[in-house]
Amino acid sequence: MRGASASNGVALGRARVVREPRTLAGLQDGEVAVLRCAWPHAAEALGRLAAVVTERGGVLCSLATLTREYGIPCVVGAAGATEAIHDGDVVFVDAEDGAVLVLGPVVAAPI
C-alpha cells in the first residue's frame, strides 16, 4: 500500500495495529505502529518503535514532525492500513517512497 512519506528511512518489524489511543502504551520495542490517525498521544511511544504507519494524517501533522525529529520512518495517509495489516505481520516500511509492504505473519520455525 502507499501513503505519503512523512520522514525518511526504511524499517522492518512486527506490526501492532492501534485503533484507539488508550492502547498506545502496549507498544513494544521494535514494533511498527499502524494507527488509524496521527494521534499526538503516540509521541510517548516513539522511542520504542521501528516505524509508524497511519491511515489518515498529513506530512505536517505533529506526529509526522516528531518522527522526523526521532529519525523514525513514517508513512501517513496509507488508506486501509488497519484492515490490511494484522498484529504480528512482518511489515517493511519504505518511508523514502511512501510504501508499506506486508510480508506476512511471523511463522515459528520447527525445532
C-alpha atoms as a PDB file:
ATOM      1  CA  MET A   1       0.000   0.000   0.000  1.00  0.00           C
ATOM      2  CA  ARG A   2       1.050   3.579  -0.427  1.00  0.00           C
ATOM      3  CA  GLY A   3       0.879   6.790   1.525  1.00  0.00           C
ATOM      4  CA  ALA A   4       2.879   9.964   1.861  1.00  0.00           C
ATOM      5  CA  SER A   5       6.438   9.955   3.148  1.00  0.00           C
ATOM      6  CA  ALA A   6       6.403  11.854   6.437  1.00  0.00           C
ATOM      7  CA  SER A   7      10.007  11.060   7.372  1.00  0.00           C
ATOM      8  CA  ASN A   8      12.898   9.278   5.708  1.00  0.00           C
ATOM      9  CA  GLY A   9      14.261   5.819   6.255  1.00  0.00           C
ATOM     10  CA  VAL A  10      13.286   2.182   5.976  1.00  0.00           C
ATOM     11  CA  ALA A  11      12.361  -0.313   8.670  1.00  0.00           C
ATOM     12  CA  LEU A  12      11.320  -3.915   9.104  1.00  0.00           C
ATOM     13  CA  GLY A  13       9.334  -5.085  12.109  1.00  0.00           C
ATOM     14  CA  ARG A  14       6.285  -6.770  13.531  1.00  0.00           C
ATOM     15  CA  ALA A  15       3.108  -4.772  13.185  1.00  0.00           C
ATOM     16  CA  ARG A  16       0.932  -3.653  16.049  1.00  0.00           C
ATOM     17  CA  VAL A  17      -2.425  -2.246  14.932  1.00  0.00           C
ATOM     18  CA  VAL A  18      -3.617   0.524  17.245  1.00  0.00           C
ATOM     19  CA  ARG A  19      -7.253   1.514  16.795  1.00  0.00           C
ATOM     20  CA  GLU A  20      -7.622   3.581  19.987  1.00  0.00           C
ATOM     21  CA  PRO A  21      -5.175   5.951  21.711  1.00  0.00           C
ATOM     22  CA  ARG A  22      -5.559   4.163  25.069  1.00  0.00           C
ATOM     23  CA  THR A  23      -3.760   1.104  23.680  1.00  0.00           C
ATOM     24  CA  LEU A  24      -0.616   3.022  22.671  1.00  0.00           C
ATOM     25  CA  ALA A  25       1.047   2.172  25.986  1.00  0.00           C
ATOM     26  CA  GLY A  26       1.218  -1.504  24.960  1.00  0.00           C
ATOM     27  CA  LEU A  27       3.579  -0.898  22.035  1.00  0.00           C
ATOM     28  CA  GLN A  28       6.828  -2.866  22.305  1.00  0.00           C
ATOM     29  CA  ASP A  29      10.424  -2.183  21.243  1.00  0.00           C
ATOM     30  CA  GLY A  30      10.997  -2.570  17.508  1.00  0.00           C
ATOM     31  CA  GLU A  31       7.338  -2.771  16.502  1.00  0.00           C
ATOM     32  CA  VAL A  32       5.769  -0.956  13.579  1.00  0.00           C
ATOM     33  CA  ALA A  33       2.808   1.026  14.894  1.00  0.00           C
ATOM     34  CA  VAL A  34      -0.140   1.008  12.495  1.00  0.00           C
ATOM     35  CA  LEU A  35      -2.522   3.787  13.543  1.00  0.00           C
ATOM     36  CA  ARG A  36      -5.943   4.934  12.353  1.00  0.00           C
ATOM     37  CA  CYS A  37      -4.801   8.527  12.542  1.00  0.00           C
ATOM     38  CA  ALA A  38      -1.775  10.523  13.600  1.00  0.00           C
ATOM     39  CA  TRP A  39      -2.599  10.889  17.283  1.00  0.00           C
ATOM     40  CA  PRO A  40      -0.263  13.234  19.132  1.00  0.00           C
ATOM     41  CA  HIS A  41      -0.508  10.766  22.068  1.00  0.00           C
ATOM     42  CA  ALA A  42       1.690   8.373  20.083  1.00  0.00           C
ATOM     43  CA  ALA A  43       4.705  10.573  20.809  1.00  0.00           C
ATOM     44  CA  GLU A  44       5.289   8.805  24.135  1.00  0.00           C
ATOM     45  CA  ALA A  45       5.961   5.513  22.312  1.00  0.00           C
ATOM     46  CA  LEU A  46       8.191   6.815  19.509  1.00  0.00           C
ATOM     47  CA  GLY A  47      11.461   5.921  21.224  1.00  0.00           C
ATOM     48  CA  ARG A  48      10.482   2.229  21.132  1.00  0.00           C
ATOM     49  CA  LEU A  49       9.195   1.956  17.558  1.00  0.00           C
ATOM     50  CA  ALA A  50      10.854   0.819  14.344  1.00  0.00           C
ATOM     51  CA  ALA A  51       8.367   2.767  12.198  1.00  0.00           C
ATOM     52  CA  VAL A  52       4.916   4.353  12.096  1.00  0.00           C
ATOM     53  CA  VAL A  53       2.145   3.928   9.505  1.00  0.00           C
ATOM     54  CA  THR A  54      -1.103   5.898   9.669  1.00  0.00           C
ATOM     55  CA  GLU A  55      -4.318   5.691   7.657  1.00  0.00           C
ATOM     56  CA  ARG A  56      -5.003   9.408   7.991  1.00  0.00           C
ATOM     57  CA  GLY A  57      -2.942  12.482   8.651  1.00  0.00           C
ATOM     58  CA  GLY A  58      -0.537  14.514   6.617  1.00  0.00           C
ATOM     59  CA  VAL A  59       3.135  15.284   6.450  1.00  0.00           C
ATOM     60  CA  LEU A  60       2.677  18.422   8.560  1.00  0.00           C
ATOM     61  CA  CYS A  61       0.818  16.803  11.466  1.00  0.00           C
ATOM     62  CA  SER A  62       2.537  16.781  14.863  1.00  0.00           C
ATOM     63  CA  LEU A  63       3.238  13.028  14.791  1.00  0.00           C
ATOM     64  CA  ALA A  64       4.950  13.314  11.396  1.00  0.00           C
ATOM     65  CA  THR A  65       7.106  16.148  12.709  1.00  0.00           C
ATOM     66  CA  LEU A  66       8.076  14.091  15.758  1.00  0.00           C
ATOM     67  CA  THR A  67       9.024  11.048  13.683  1.00  0.00           C
ATOM     68  CA  ARG A  68      11.372  13.252  11.671  1.00  0.00           C
ATOM     69  CA  GLU A  69      12.947  14.521  14.898  1.00  0.00           C
ATOM     70  CA  TYR A  70      13.340  10.969  16.254  1.00  0.00           C
ATOM     71  CA  GLY A  71      14.605   9.649  12.896  1.00  0.00           C
ATOM     72  CA  ILE A  72      11.828   7.048  12.677  1.00  0.00           C
ATOM     73  CA  PRO A  73      10.455   6.069   9.247  1.00  0.00           C
ATOM     74  CA  CYS A  74       6.835   7.211   8.909  1.00  0.00           C
ATOM     75  CA  VAL A  75       4.229   6.838   6.173  1.00  0.00           C
ATOM     76  CA  VAL A  76       0.968   8.766   6.596  1.00  0.00           C
ATOM     77  CA  GLY A  77      -2.283   8.508   4.645  1.00  0.00           C
ATOM     78  CA  ALA A  78      -1.960   4.776   3.871  1.00  0.00           C
ATOM     79  CA  ALA A  79      -5.672   4.143   3.339  1.00  0.00           C
ATOM     80  CA  GLY A  80      -6.930   0.830   4.712  1.00  0.00           C
ATOM     81  CA  ALA A  81      -3.762   0.082   6.687  1.00  0.00           C
ATOM     82  CA  THR A  82      -5.531  -1.002   9.898  1.00  0.00           C
ATOM     83  CA  GLU A  83      -7.616  -3.506   7.941  1.00  0.00           C
ATOM     84  CA  ALA A  84      -4.912  -4.846   5.621  1.00  0.00           C
ATOM     85  CA  ILE A  85      -2.242  -5.222   8.297  1.00  0.00           C
ATOM     86  CA  HIS A  86      -2.720  -7.532  11.289  1.00  0.00           C
ATOM     87  CA  ASP A  87      -0.961  -7.719  14.650  1.00  0.00           C
ATOM     88  CA  GLY A  88       2.231  -9.726  14.249  1.00  0.00           C
ATOM     89  CA  ASP A  89       2.533  -9.312  10.479  1.00  0.00           C
ATOM     90  CA  VAL A  90       6.066  -8.602   9.322  1.00  0.00           C
ATOM     91  CA  VAL A  91       5.956  -5.199   7.666  1.00  0.00           C
ATOM     92  CA  PHE A  92       8.551  -3.378   5.581  1.00  0.00           C
ATOM     93  CA  VAL A  93       8.136   0.396   5.681  1.00  0.00           C
ATOM     94  CA  ASP A  94       9.890   2.384   2.971  1.00  0.00           C
ATOM     95  CA  ALA A  95       9.318   5.940   4.088  1.00  0.00           C
ATOM     96  CA  GLU A  96      11.642   7.173   1.355  1.00  0.00           C
ATOM     97  CA  ASP A  97       8.987   6.186  -1.185  1.00  0.00           C
ATOM     98  CA  GLY A  98       5.802   6.162   0.950  1.00  0.00           C
ATOM     99  CA  ALA A  99       5.424   2.393   0.531  1.00  0.00           C
ATOM    100  CA  VAL A 100       4.294  -0.214   3.062  1.00  0.00           C
ATOM    101  CA  LEU A 101       4.755  -3.879   2.219  1.00  0.00           C
ATOM    102  CA  VAL A 102       3.177  -6.660   4.271  1.00  0.00           C
ATOM    103  CA  LEU A 103       5.494  -9.667   4.094  1.00  0.00           C
ATOM    104  CA  GLY A 104       3.137 -11.920   6.032  1.00  0.00           C
ATOM    105  CA  PRO A 105       2.614 -13.278   9.512  1.00  0.00           C
ATOM    106  CA  VAL A 106       5.501 -14.459  11.648  1.00  0.00           C
ATOM    107  CA  VAL A 107       5.731 -18.228  11.485  1.00  0.00           C
ATOM    108  CA  ALA A 108       7.778 -20.072  14.078  1.00  0.00           C
ATOM    109  CA  ALA A 109      10.320 -22.462  12.637  1.00  0.00           C
ATOM    110  CA  PRO A 110      10.148 -26.073  13.842  1.00  0.00           C
ATOM    111  CA  ILE A 111      12.889 -27.154  16.224  1.00  0.00           C
END
